[in-house]
């Protein structure tokens, strides 16, 4: 399996923004150069495990949050992400999003059944 470093970088950036840190501040706290920090967030540099742990510790998140797009069993991370997306929604938005989610789930399961029959 190939790791998607662009997605990992996006998730590092999101966690940094949530932590209200600049790239420069995160780089300094994690012991990285600003250029290297920028390259990680843009997916141009591979992230080593020790570096991922250092960033996760500075940002007070789990390394799972960075890797969830490459790990099959990431339900907890994605469930949390859905909860965060719904946090600022009003009743109408929640109803529409729930309908969309149900439709998407039905489509996925129907597609899986068709693939099993092939």
PDB file of N, CA and C in Angstrom:
ATOM      1  N   UNK A   1       0.840  -1.185   0.000  1.00  0.00           N
ATOM      2  CA  UNK A   1       0.000   0.000   0.000  1.00  0.00           C
ATOM      3  C   UNK A   1       0.881   1.243   0.000  1.00  0.00           C
ATOM      4  N   UNK A   2       0.528   2.160  -0.819  1.00  0.00           N
ATOM      5  CA  UNK A   2       1.235   3.440  -0.942  1.00  0.00           C
ATOM      6  C   UNK A   2       0.567   4.475  -0.038  1.00  0.00           C
ATOM      7  N   UNK A   3       1.363   5.211   0.716  1.00  0.00           N
ATOM      8  CA  UNK A   3       0.815   6.287   1.536  1.00  0.00           C
ATOM      9  C   UNK A   3       0.549   7.507   0.668  1.00  0.00           C
ATOM     10  N   UNK A   4      -0.548   8.181   0.943  1.00  0.00           N
ATOM     11  CA  UNK A   4      -0.914   9.386   0.201  1.00  0.00           C
ATOM     12  C   UNK A   4      -0.398  10.600   0.977  1.00  0.00           C
ATOM     13  N   UNK A   5       0.797  11.057   0.633  1.00  0.00           N
ATOM     14  CA  UNK A   5       1.441  12.139   1.376  1.00  0.00           C
ATOM     15  C   UNK A   5       0.737  13.478   1.198  1.00  0.00           C
ATOM     16  N   UNK A   6       0.029  13.657   0.108  1.00  0.00           N
ATOM     17  CA  UNK A   6      -0.756  14.889  -0.064  1.00  0.00           C
ATOM     18  C   UNK A   6      -1.889  14.941   0.956  1.00  0.00           C
ATOM     19  N   UNK A   7      -2.573  13.814   1.147  1.00  0.00           N
ATOM     20  CA  UNK A   7      -3.656  13.753   2.137  1.00  0.00           C
ATOM     21  C   UNK A   7      -3.105  13.895   3.553  1.00  0.00           C
ATOM     22  N   UNK A   8      -1.973  13.263   3.821  1.00  0.00           N
ATOM     23  CA  UNK A   8      -1.348  13.398   5.137  1.00  0.00           C
ATOM     24  C   UNK A   8      -1.013  14.864   5.386  1.00  0.00           C
ATOM     25  N   UNK A   9      -0.446  15.512   4.391  1.00  0.00           N
ATOM     26  CA  UNK A   9      -0.102  16.932   4.511  1.00  0.00           C
ATOM     27  C   UNK A   9      -1.318  17.802   4.765  1.00  0.00           C
ATOM     28  N   UNK A  10      -2.413  17.505   4.060  1.00  0.00           N
ATOM     29  CA  UNK A  10      -3.656  18.267   4.277  1.00  0.00           C
ATOM     30  C   UNK A  10      -4.129  18.121   5.712  1.00  0.00           C
ATOM     31  N   UNK A  11      -4.044  16.918   6.240  1.00  0.00           N
ATOM     32  CA  UNK A  11      -4.509  16.663   7.594  1.00  0.00           C
ATOM     33  C   UNK A  11      -3.602  17.331   8.629  1.00  0.00           C
ATOM     34  N   UNK A  12      -2.308  17.378   8.356  1.00  0.00           N
ATOM     35  CA  UNK A  12      -1.391  18.105   9.241  1.00  0.00           C
ATOM     36  C   UNK A  12      -1.760  19.586   9.239  1.00  0.00           C
ATOM     37  N   UNK A  13      -2.009  20.115   8.055  1.00  0.00           N
ATOM     38  CA  UNK A  13      -2.373  21.532   7.937  1.00  0.00           C
ATOM     39  C   UNK A  13      -3.677  21.834   8.682  1.00  0.00           C
ATOM     40  N   UNK A  14      -4.675  20.981   8.528  1.00  0.00           N
ATOM     41  CA  UNK A  14      -5.957  21.181   9.220  1.00  0.00           C
ATOM     42  C   UNK A  14      -5.744  21.170  10.729  1.00  0.00           C
ATOM     43  N   UNK A  15      -4.954  20.217  11.221  1.00  0.00           N
ATOM     44  CA  UNK A  15      -4.685  20.141  12.662  1.00  0.00           C
ATOM     45  C   UNK A  15      -3.923  21.381  13.133  1.00  0.00           C
ATOM     46  N   UNK A  16      -3.013  21.869  12.309  1.00  0.00           N
ATOM     47  CA  UNK A  16      -2.251  23.079  12.658  1.00  0.00           C
ATOM     48  C   UNK A  16      -3.174  24.287  12.761  1.00  0.00           C
ATOM     49  N   UNK A  17      -4.058  24.422  11.799  1.00  0.00           N
ATOM     50  CA  UNK A  17      -4.996  25.555  11.803  1.00  0.00           C
ATOM     51  C   UNK A  17      -5.926  25.462  13.014  1.00  0.00           C
ATOM     52  N   UNK A  18      -6.410  24.261  13.303  1.00  0.00           N
ATOM     53  CA  UNK A  18      -7.263  24.075  14.487  1.00  0.00           C
ATOM     54  C   UNK A  18      -6.523  24.429  15.776  1.00  0.00           C
ATOM     55  N   UNK A  19      -5.223  24.168  15.791  1.00  0.00           N
ATOM     56  CA  UNK A  19      -4.410  24.485  16.968  1.00  0.00           C
ATOM     57  C   UNK A  19      -4.012  25.958  17.000  1.00  0.00           C
ATOM     58  N   UNK A  20      -4.424  26.705  15.963  1.00  0.00           N
ATOM     59  CA  UNK A  20      -4.130  28.134  15.861  1.00  0.00           C
ATOM     60  C   UNK A  20      -2.628  28.411  15.856  1.00  0.00           C
ATOM     61  N   UNK A  21      -1.913  27.619  15.054  1.00  0.00           N
ATOM     62  CA  UNK A  21      -0.468  27.786  14.910  1.00  0.00           C
ATOM     63  C   UNK A  21      -0.122  28.139  13.471  1.00  0.00           C
ATOM     64  N   UNK A  22       0.898  28.933  13.300  1.00  0.00           N
ATOM     65  CA  UNK A  22       1.436  29.195  11.970  1.00  0.00           C
ATOM     66  C   UNK A  22       2.346  28.036  11.587  1.00  0.00           C
ATOM     67  N   UNK A  23       2.676  27.947  10.316  1.00  0.00           N
ATOM     68  CA  UNK A  23       3.650  26.935   9.896  1.00  0.00           C
ATOM     69  C   UNK A  23       4.963  27.136  10.632  1.00  0.00           C
ATOM     70  N   UNK A  24       5.362  28.393  10.776  1.00  0.00           N
ATOM     71  CA  UNK A  24       6.627  28.710  11.436  1.00  0.00           C
ATOM     72  C   UNK A  24       6.619  28.229  12.888  1.00  0.00           C
ATOM     73  N   UNK A  25       5.523  28.488  13.602  1.00  0.00           N
ATOM     74  CA  UNK A  25       5.436  28.087  15.010  1.00  0.00           C
ATOM     75  C   UNK A  25       5.452  26.564  15.141  1.00  0.00           C
ATOM     76  N   UNK A  26       4.707  25.871  14.279  1.00  0.00           N
ATOM     77  CA  UNK A  26       4.686  24.410  14.330  1.00  0.00           C
ATOM     78  C   UNK A  26       6.059  23.842  13.998  1.00  0.00           C
ATOM     79  N   UNK A  27       6.682  24.390  12.970  1.00  0.00           N
ATOM     80  CA  UNK A  27       8.017  23.925  12.585  1.00  0.00           C
ATOM     81  C   UNK A  27       8.990  24.074  13.752  1.00  0.00           C
ATOM     82  N   UNK A  28       8.951  25.206  14.392  1.00  0.00           N
ATOM     83  CA  UNK A  28       9.862  25.445  15.517  1.00  0.00           C
ATOM     84  C   UNK A  28       9.603  24.462  16.661  1.00  0.00           C
ATOM     85  N   UNK A  29       8.341  24.276  17.016  1.00  0.00           N
ATOM     86  CA  UNK A  29       7.997  23.377  18.124  1.00  0.00           C
ATOM     87  C   UNK A  29       8.332  21.919  17.812  1.00  0.00           C
ATOM     88  N   UNK A  30       8.248  21.549  16.539  1.00  0.00           N
ATOM     89  CA  UNK A  30       8.517  20.169  16.142  1.00  0.00           C
ATOM     90  C   UNK A  30       9.978  19.950  15.747  1.00  0.00           C
ATOM     91  N   UNK A  31      10.762  21.022  15.739  1.00  0.00           N
ATOM     92  CA  UNK A  31      12.180  20.901  15.386  1.00  0.00           C
ATOM     93  C   UNK A  31      12.432  20.718  13.903  1.00  0.00           C
ATOM     94  N   UNK A  32      11.615  21.357  13.074  1.00  0.00           N
ATOM     95  CA  UNK A  32      11.749  21.258  11.620  1.00  0.00           C
ATOM     96  C   UNK A  32      12.035  22.632  11.035  1.00  0.00           C
ATOM     97  N   UNK A  33      12.563  22.644   9.828  1.00  0.00           N
ATOM     98  CA  UNK A  33      12.722  23.916   9.131  1.00  0.00           C
ATOM     99  C   UNK A  33      11.359  24.332   8.581  1.00  0.00           C
ATOM    100  N   UNK A  34      11.199  25.614   8.359  1.00  0.00           N
ATOM    101  CA  UNK A  34       9.933  26.119   7.810  1.00  0.00           C
ATOM    102  C   UNK A  34       9.701  25.543   6.417  1.00  0.00           C
ATOM    103  N   UNK A  35      10.746  25.442   5.637  1.00  0.00           N
ATOM    104  CA  UNK A  35      10.634  24.885   4.284  1.00  0.00           C
ATOM    105  C   UNK A  35      10.163  23.440   4.333  1.00  0.00           C
ATOM    106  N   UNK A  36      10.746  22.672   5.251  1.00  0.00           N
ATOM    107  CA  UNK A  36      10.363  21.264   5.370  1.00  0.00           C
ATOM    108  C   UNK A  36       8.904  21.144   5.822  1.00  0.00           C
ATOM    109  N   UNK A  37       8.499  22.017   6.752  1.00  0.00           N
ATOM    110  CA  UNK A  37       7.112  22.017   7.225  1.00  0.00           C
ATOM    111  C   UNK A  37       6.158  22.305   6.065  1.00  0.00           C
ATOM    112  N   UNK A  38       6.499  23.281   5.247  1.00  0.00           N
ATOM    113  CA  UNK A  38       5.694  23.624   4.080  1.00  0.00           C
ATOM    114  C   UNK A  38       5.619  22.443   3.115  1.00  0.00           C
ATOM    115  N   UNK A  39       6.745  21.792   2.883  1.00  0.00           N
ATOM    116  CA  UNK A  39       6.779  20.638   1.979  1.00  0.00           C
ATOM    117  C   UNK A  39       5.940  19.475   2.500  1.00  0.00           C
ATOM    118  N   UNK A  40       5.909  19.286   3.815  1.00  0.00           N
ATOM    119  CA  UNK A  40       5.063  18.232   4.399  1.00  0.00           C
ATOM    120  C   UNK A  40       3.597  18.550   4.134  1.00  0.00           C
ATOM    121  N   UNK A  41       3.191  19.790   4.432  1.00  0.00           N
ATOM    122  CA  UNK A  41       1.792  20.169   4.248  1.00  0.00           C
ATOM    123  C   UNK A  41       1.356  20.113   2.786  1.00  0.00           C
ATOM    124  N   UNK A  42       2.273  20.335   1.876  1.00  0.00           N
ATOM    125  CA  UNK A  42       1.944  20.287   0.450  1.00  0.00           C
ATOM    126  C   UNK A  42       2.092  18.891  -0.147  1.00  0.00           C
ATOM    127  N   UNK A  43       2.560  17.942   0.656  1.00  0.00           N
ATOM    128  CA  UNK A  43       2.735  16.573   0.176  1.00  0.00           C
ATOM    129  C   UNK A  43       3.977  16.372  -0.664  1.00  0.00           C
ATOM    130  N   UNK A  44       4.916  17.306  -0.600  1.00  0.00           N
ATOM    131  CA  UNK A  44       6.143  17.193  -1.389  1.00  0.00           C
ATOM    132  C   UNK A  44       7.262  16.476  -0.641  1.00  0.00           C
ATOM    133  N   UNK A  45       7.093  16.302   0.675  1.00  0.00           N
ATOM    134  CA  UNK A  45       8.074  15.579   1.490  1.00  0.00           C
ATOM    135  C   UNK A  45       7.379  14.420   2.175  1.00  0.00           C
ATOM    136  N   UNK A  46       8.092  13.317   2.265  1.00  0.00           N
ATOM    137  CA  UNK A  46       7.561  12.177   3.000  1.00  0.00           C
ATOM    138  C   UNK A  46       7.739  12.448   4.487  1.00  0.00           C
ATOM    139  N   UNK A  47       6.779  11.997   5.243  1.00  0.00           N
ATOM    140  CA  UNK A  47       6.753  12.202   6.676  1.00  0.00           C
ATOM    141  C   UNK A  47       7.222  10.919   7.359  1.00  0.00           C
ATOM    142  N   UNK A  48       8.340  11.000   8.100  1.00  0.00           N
ATOM    143  CA  UNK A  48       8.817   9.825   8.819  1.00  0.00           C
ATOM    144  C   UNK A  48       7.937   9.589  10.039  1.00  0.00           C
ATOM    145  N   UNK A  49       7.980   8.385  10.575  1.00  0.00           N
ATOM    146  CA  UNK A  49       7.187   8.065  11.755  1.00  0.00           C
ATOM    147  C   UNK A  49       7.579   8.951  12.946  1.00  0.00           C
ATOM    148  N   UNK A  50       8.875   9.119  13.254  1.00  0.00           N
ATOM    149  CA  UNK A  50       9.223  10.013  14.366  1.00  0.00           C
ATOM    150  C   UNK A  50       8.730  11.452  14.142  1.00  0.00           C
ATOM    151  N   UNK A  51       8.759  11.911  12.909  1.00  0.00           N
ATOM    152  CA  UNK A  51       8.290  13.256  12.600  1.00  0.00           C
ATOM    153  C   UNK A  51       6.767  13.348  12.762  1.00  0.00           C
ATOM    154  N   UNK A  52       6.054  12.307  12.336  1.00  0.00           N
ATOM    155  CA  UNK A  52       4.600  12.278  12.495  1.00  0.00           C
ATOM    156  C   UNK A  52       4.231  12.304  13.977  1.00  0.00           C
ATOM    157  N   UNK A  53       4.961  11.558  14.788  1.00  0.00           N
ATOM    158  CA  UNK A  53       4.711  11.531  16.229  1.00  0.00           C
ATOM    159  C   UNK A  53       4.997  12.901  16.839  1.00  0.00           C
ATOM    160  N   UNK A  54       6.105  13.524  16.432  1.00  0.00           N
ATOM    161  CA  UNK A  54       6.453  14.852  16.959  1.00  0.00           C
ATOM    162  C   UNK A  54       5.366  15.874  16.614  1.00  0.00           C
ATOM    163  N   UNK A  55       4.911  15.859  15.379  1.00  0.00           N
ATOM    164  CA  UNK A  55       3.851  16.792  14.967  1.00  0.00           C
ATOM    165  C   UNK A  55       2.550  16.505  15.714  1.00  0.00           C
ATOM    166  N   UNK A  56       2.194  15.236  15.843  1.00  0.00           N
ATOM    167  CA  UNK A  56       0.976  14.874  16.552  1.00  0.00           C
ATOM    168  C   UNK A  56       1.042  15.337  18.012  1.00  0.00           C
ATOM    169  N   UNK A  57       2.201  15.178  18.636  1.00  0.00           N
ATOM    170  CA  UNK A  57       2.352  15.617  20.028  1.00  0.00           C
ATOM    171  C   UNK A  57       2.223  17.132  20.160  1.00  0.00           C
ATOM    172  N   UNK A  58       2.839  17.866  19.251  1.00  0.00           N
ATOM    173  CA  UNK A  58       2.740  19.329  19.294  1.00  0.00           C
ATOM    174  C   UNK A  58       1.299  19.770  19.077  1.00  0.00           C
ATOM    175  N   UNK A  59       0.599  19.097  18.167  1.00  0.00           N
ATOM    176  CA  UNK A  59      -0.761  19.482  17.807  1.00  0.00           C
ATOM    177  C   UNK A  59      -1.829  18.839  18.696  1.00  0.00           C
ATOM    178  N   UNK A  60      -1.405  18.008  19.640  1.00  0.00           N
ATOM    179  CA  UNK A  60      -2.325  17.321  20.555  1.00  0.00           C
ATOM    180  C   UNK A  60      -3.382  16.506  19.812  1.00  0.00           C
ATOM    181  N   UNK A  61      -2.927  15.755  18.814  1.00  0.00           N
ATOM    182  CA  UNK A  61      -3.806  14.854  18.069  1.00  0.00           C
ATOM    183  C   UNK A  61      -3.139  13.483  18.014  1.00  0.00           C
ATOM    184  N   UNK A  62      -3.891  12.506  17.556  1.00  0.00           N
ATOM    185  CA  UNK A  62      -3.349  11.166  17.356  1.00  0.00           C
ATOM    186  C   UNK A  62      -2.731  11.088  15.956  1.00  0.00           C
ATOM    187  N   UNK A  63      -1.707  10.295  15.814  1.00  0.00           N
ATOM    188  CA  UNK A  63      -1.107  10.077  14.489  1.00  0.00           C
ATOM    189  C   UNK A  63      -2.155   9.495  13.540  1.00  0.00           C
ATOM    190  N   UNK A  64      -3.154   8.798  14.097  1.00  0.00           N
ATOM    191  CA  UNK A  64      -4.247   8.255  13.283  1.00  0.00           C
ATOM    192  C   UNK A  64      -4.896   9.331  12.421  1.00  0.00           C
ATOM    193  N   UNK A  65      -4.991  10.534  12.951  1.00  0.00           N
ATOM    194  CA  UNK A  65      -5.628  11.618  12.192  1.00  0.00           C
ATOM    195  C   UNK A  65      -4.860  11.928  10.911  1.00  0.00           C
ATOM    196  N   UNK A  66      -3.551  11.769  10.934  1.00  0.00           N
ATOM    197  CA  UNK A  66      -2.745  12.030   9.739  1.00  0.00           C
ATOM    198  C   UNK A  66      -2.838  10.876   8.742  1.00  0.00           C
ATOM    199  N   UNK A  67      -2.963   9.659   9.248  1.00  0.00           N
ATOM    200  CA  UNK A  67      -2.863   8.468   8.402  1.00  0.00           C
ATOM    201  C   UNK A  67      -4.196   7.842   8.007  1.00  0.00           C
ATOM    202  N   UNK A  68      -5.311   8.382   8.488  1.00  0.00           N
ATOM    203  CA  UNK A  68      -6.601   7.717   8.314  1.00  0.00           C
ATOM    204  C   UNK A  68      -6.990   7.476   6.853  1.00  0.00           C
ATOM    205  N   UNK A  69      -6.489   8.278   5.930  1.00  0.00           N
ATOM    206  CA  UNK A  69      -6.831   8.065   4.518  1.00  0.00           C
ATOM    207  C   UNK A  69      -6.099   6.862   3.931  1.00  0.00           C
ATOM    208  N   UNK A  70      -5.071   6.374   4.638  1.00  0.00           N
ATOM    209  CA  UNK A  70      -4.297   5.236   4.163  1.00  0.00           C
ATOM    210  C   UNK A  70      -4.550   3.972   4.974  1.00  0.00           C
ATOM    211  N   UNK A  71      -5.343   4.079   6.043  1.00  0.00           N
ATOM    212  CA  UNK A  71      -5.616   2.945   6.923  1.00  0.00           C
ATOM    213  C   UNK A  71      -7.069   2.519   6.753  1.00  0.00           C
ATOM    214  N   UNK A  72      -7.276   1.238   6.569  1.00  0.00           N
ATOM    215  CA  UNK A  72      -8.625   0.736   6.331  1.00  0.00           C
ATOM    216  C   UNK A  72      -9.512   0.922   7.559  1.00  0.00           C
ATOM    217  N   UNK A  73      -9.005   0.638   8.729  1.00  0.00           N
ATOM    218  CA  UNK A  73      -9.802   0.687   9.959  1.00  0.00           C
ATOM    219  C   UNK A  73      -9.624   2.043  10.651  1.00  0.00           C
ATOM    220  N   UNK A  74     -10.277   3.061  10.126  1.00  0.00           N
ATOM    221  CA  UNK A  74     -10.178   4.425  10.657  1.00  0.00           C
ATOM    222  C   UNK A  74     -11.544   4.989  11.006  1.00  0.00           C
ATOM    223  N   UNK A  75     -12.464   4.126  11.351  1.00  0.00           N
ATOM    224  CA  UNK A  75     -13.840   4.551  11.605  1.00  0.00           C
ATOM    225  C   UNK A  75     -13.913   5.651  12.668  1.00  0.00           C
ATOM    226  N   UNK A  76     -13.147   5.513  13.737  1.00  0.00           N
ATOM    227  CA  UNK A  76     -13.207   6.492  14.827  1.00  0.00           C
ATOM    228  C   UNK A  76     -12.815   7.884  14.347  1.00  0.00           C
ATOM    229  N   UNK A  77     -11.769   7.987  13.550  1.00  0.00           N
ATOM    230  CA  UNK A  77     -11.316   9.287  13.050  1.00  0.00           C
ATOM    231  C   UNK A  77     -12.378   9.912  12.157  1.00  0.00           C
ATOM    232  N   UNK A  78     -12.936   9.116  11.238  1.00  0.00           N
ATOM    233  CA  UNK A  78     -13.930   9.656  10.320  1.00  0.00           C
ATOM    234  C   UNK A  78     -15.241   9.978  11.040  1.00  0.00           C
ATOM    235  N   UNK A  79     -15.614   9.180  12.036  1.00  0.00           N
ATOM    236  CA  UNK A  79     -16.820   9.485  12.811  1.00  0.00           C
ATOM    237  C   UNK A  79     -16.666  10.826  13.528  1.00  0.00           C
ATOM    238  N   UNK A  80     -15.496  11.043  14.088  1.00  0.00           N
ATOM    239  CA  UNK A  80     -15.219  12.327  14.751  1.00  0.00           C
ATOM    240  C   UNK A  80     -15.280  13.476  13.742  1.00  0.00           C
ATOM    241  N   UNK A  81     -14.748  13.241  12.553  1.00  0.00           N
ATOM    242  CA  UNK A  81     -14.762  14.262  11.509  1.00  0.00           C
ATOM    243  C   UNK A  81     -16.205  14.629  11.132  1.00  0.00           C
ATOM    244  N   UNK A  82     -17.066  13.627  11.009  1.00  0.00           N
ATOM    245  CA  UNK A  82     -18.477  13.880  10.688  1.00  0.00           C
ATOM    246  C   UNK A  82     -19.123  14.704  11.798  1.00  0.00           C
ATOM    247  N   UNK A  83     -18.851  14.343  13.047  1.00  0.00           N
ATOM    248  CA  UNK A  83     -19.406  15.105  14.172  1.00  0.00           C
ATOM    249  C   UNK A  83     -18.967  16.562  14.106  1.00  0.00           C
ATOM    250  N   UNK A  84     -17.718  16.805  13.785  1.00  0.00           N
ATOM    251  CA  UNK A  84     -17.215  18.177  13.699  1.00  0.00           C
ATOM    252  C   UNK A  84     -17.874  18.935  12.545  1.00  0.00           C
ATOM    253  N   UNK A  85     -18.121  18.242  11.439  1.00  0.00           N
ATOM    254  CA  UNK A  85     -18.792  18.879  10.306  1.00  0.00           C
ATOM    255  C   UNK A  85     -20.220  19.289  10.650  1.00  0.00           C
ATOM    256  N   UNK A  86     -20.867  18.512  11.496  1.00  0.00           N
ATOM    257  CA  UNK A  86     -22.258  18.777  11.843  1.00  0.00           C
ATOM    258  C   UNK A  86     -22.419  19.782  12.982  1.00  0.00           C
ATOM    259  N   UNK A  87     -21.345  20.062  13.701  1.00  0.00           N
ATOM    260  CA  UNK A  87     -21.414  20.912  14.886  1.00  0.00           C
ATOM    261  C   UNK A  87     -22.102  22.253  14.664  1.00  0.00           C
ATOM    262  N   UNK A  88     -21.808  22.909  13.575  1.00  0.00           N
ATOM    263  CA  UNK A  88     -22.350  24.251  13.365  1.00  0.00           C
ATOM    264  C   UNK A  88     -23.552  24.272  12.411  1.00  0.00           C
ATOM    265  N   UNK A  89     -24.123  23.107  12.143  1.00  0.00           N
ATOM    266  CA  UNK A  89     -25.269  23.032  11.234  1.00  0.00           C
ATOM    267  C   UNK A  89     -26.576  23.325  11.966  1.00  0.00           C
ATOM    268  N   UNK A  90     -27.493  23.963  11.247  1.00  0.00           N
ATOM    269  CA  UNK A  90     -28.826  24.166  11.820  1.00  0.00           C
ATOM    270  C   UNK A  90     -29.686  22.928  11.516  1.00  0.00           C
ATOM    271  N   UNK A  91     -30.918  22.923  11.998  1.00  0.00           N
ATOM    272  CA  UNK A  91     -31.802  21.761  11.838  1.00  0.00           C
ATOM    273  C   UNK A  91     -32.014  21.395  10.371  1.00  0.00           C
ATOM    274  N   UNK A  92     -32.207  22.394   9.538  1.00  0.00           N
ATOM    275  CA  UNK A  92     -32.440  22.144   8.110  1.00  0.00           C
ATOM    276  C   UNK A  92     -31.212  21.488   7.464  1.00  0.00           C
ATOM    277  N   UNK A  93     -30.040  22.027   7.737  1.00  0.00           N
ATOM    278  CA  UNK A  93     -28.811  21.460   7.160  1.00  0.00           C
ATOM    279  C   UNK A  93     -28.596  20.024   7.630  1.00  0.00           C
ATOM    280  N   UNK A  94     -28.855  19.759   8.886  1.00  0.00           N
ATOM    281  CA  UNK A  94     -28.690  18.392   9.413  1.00  0.00           C
ATOM    282  C   UNK A  94     -29.645  17.434   8.711  1.00  0.00           C
ATOM    283  N   UNK A  95     -30.868  17.866   8.493  1.00  0.00           N
ATOM    284  CA  UNK A  95     -31.847  17.009   7.813  1.00  0.00           C
ATOM    285  C   UNK A  95     -31.382  16.688   6.393  1.00  0.00           C
ATOM    286  N   UNK A  96     -30.935  17.701   5.658  1.00  0.00           N
ATOM    287  CA  UNK A  96     -30.467  17.486   4.277  1.00  0.00           C
ATOM    288  C   UNK A  96     -29.236  16.580   4.261  1.00  0.00           C
ATOM    289  N   UNK A  97     -28.289  16.851   5.128  1.00  0.00           N
ATOM    290  CA  UNK A  97     -27.065  16.043   5.171  1.00  0.00           C
ATOM    291  C   UNK A  97     -27.368  14.596   5.570  1.00  0.00           C
ATOM    292  N   UNK A  98     -28.305  14.397   6.463  1.00  0.00           N
ATOM    293  CA  UNK A  98     -28.708  13.043   6.848  1.00  0.00           C
ATOM    294  C   UNK A  98     -29.317  12.308   5.658  1.00  0.00           C
ATOM    295  N   UNK A  99     -30.188  12.993   4.903  1.00  0.00           N
ATOM    296  CA  UNK A  99     -30.773  12.381   3.702  1.00  0.00           C
ATOM    297  C   UNK A  99     -29.690  12.005   2.697  1.00  0.00           C
ATOM    298  N   UNK A 100     -28.720  12.893   2.500  1.00  0.00           N
ATOM    299  CA  UNK A 100     -27.622  12.611   1.570  1.00  0.00           C
ATOM    300  C   UNK A 100     -26.785  11.424   2.034  1.00  0.00           C
ATOM    301  N   UNK A 101     -26.507  11.386   3.321  1.00  0.00           N
ATOM    302  CA  UNK A 101     -25.717  10.292   3.880  1.00  0.00           C
ATOM    303  C   UNK A 101     -26.433   8.953   3.739  1.00  0.00           C
ATOM    304  N   UNK A 102     -27.740   8.936   4.002  1.00  0.00           N
ATOM    305  CA  UNK A 102     -28.526   7.708   3.836  1.00  0.00           C
ATOM    306  C   UNK A 102     -28.499   7.240   2.386  1.00  0.00           C
ATOM    307  N   UNK A 103     -28.679   8.177   1.455  1.00  0.00           N
ATOM    308  CA  UNK A 103     -28.671   7.825   0.029  1.00  0.00           C
ATOM    309  C   UNK A 103     -27.305   7.285  -0.390  1.00  0.00           C
ATOM    310  N   UNK A 104     -26.251   7.930   0.073  1.00  0.00           N
ATOM    311  CA  UNK A 104     -24.898   7.473  -0.263  1.00  0.00           C
ATOM    312  C   UNK A 104     -24.642   6.079   0.303  1.00  0.00           C
ATOM    313  N   UNK A 105     -25.045   5.860   1.537  1.00  0.00           N
ATOM    314  CA  UNK A 105     -24.867   4.552   2.178  1.00  0.00           C
ATOM    315  C   UNK A 105     -25.626   3.466   1.414  1.00  0.00           C
ATOM    316  N   UNK A 106     -26.879   3.742   1.042  1.00  0.00           N
ATOM    317  CA  UNK A 106     -27.670   2.779   0.268  1.00  0.00           C
ATOM    318  C   UNK A 106     -26.994   2.461  -1.064  1.00  0.00           C
ATOM    319  N   UNK A 107     -26.486   3.480  -1.729  1.00  0.00           N
ATOM    320  CA  UNK A 107     -25.819   3.288  -3.019  1.00  0.00           C
ATOM    321  C   UNK A 107     -24.566   2.437  -2.866  1.00  0.00           C
ATOM    322  N   UNK A 108     -23.780   2.715  -1.844  1.00  0.00           N
ATOM    323  CA  UNK A 108     -22.549   1.950  -1.598  1.00  0.00           C
ATOM    324  C   UNK A 108     -22.873   0.486  -1.346  1.00  0.00           C
ATOM    325  N   UNK A 109     -23.862   0.244  -0.508  1.00  0.00           N
ATOM    326  CA  UNK A 109     -24.217  -1.147  -0.178  1.00  0.00           C
ATOM    327  C   UNK A 109     -24.814  -1.878  -1.373  1.00  0.00           C
ATOM    328  N   UNK A 110     -25.602  -1.178  -2.166  1.00  0.00           N
ATOM    329  CA  UNK A 110     -26.177  -1.784  -3.377  1.00  0.00           C
ATOM    330  C   UNK A 110     -25.055  -2.132  -4.356  1.00  0.00           C
ATOM    331  N   UNK A 111     -24.092  -1.234  -4.504  1.00  0.00           N
ATOM    332  CA  UNK A 111     -22.963  -1.465  -5.387  1.00  0.00           C
ATOM    333  C   UNK A 111     -22.119  -2.665  -4.893  1.00  0.00           C
ATOM    334  N   UNK A 112     -21.944  -2.774  -3.582  1.00  0.00           N
ATOM    335  CA  UNK A 112     -21.181  -3.884  -3.029  1.00  0.00           C
ATOM    336  C   UNK A 112     -21.884  -5.214  -3.322  1.00  0.00           C
ATOM    337  N   UNK A 113     -23.207  -5.234  -3.232  1.00  0.00           N
ATOM    338  CA  UNK A 113     -23.975  -6.462  -3.516  1.00  0.00           C
ATOM    339  C   UNK A 113     -23.821  -6.844  -4.983  1.00  0.00           C
ATOM    340  N   UNK A 114     -23.864  -5.859  -5.875  1.00  0.00           N
ATOM    341  CA  UNK A 114     -23.702  -6.143  -7.304  1.00  0.00           C
ATOM    342  C   UNK A 114     -22.313  -6.696  -7.590  1.00  0.00           C
ATOM    343  N   UNK A 115     -21.302  -6.159  -6.955  1.00  0.00           N
ATOM    344  CA  UNK A 115     -19.939  -6.654  -7.170  1.00  0.00           C
ATOM    345  C   UNK A 115     -19.785  -8.072  -6.654  1.00  0.00           C
ATOM    346  N   UNK A 116     -20.467  -8.406  -5.568  1.00  0.00           N
ATOM    347  CA  UNK A 116     -20.401  -9.766  -5.018  1.00  0.00           C
ATOM    348  C   UNK A 116     -21.068 -10.769  -5.930  1.00  0.00           C
ATOM    349  N   UNK A 117     -22.066 -10.327  -6.701  1.00  0.00           N
ATOM    350  CA  UNK A 117     -22.798 -11.215  -7.589  1.00  0.00           C
ATOM    351  C   UNK A 117     -22.036 -11.495  -8.878  1.00  0.00           C
ATOM    352  N   UNK A 118     -21.057 -10.669  -9.185  1.00  0.00           N
ATOM    353  CA  UNK A 118     -20.301 -10.835 -10.453  1.00  0.00           C
ATOM    354  C   UNK A 118     -19.429 -12.045 -10.419  1.00  0.00           C
TER     355      UNK A 118
END
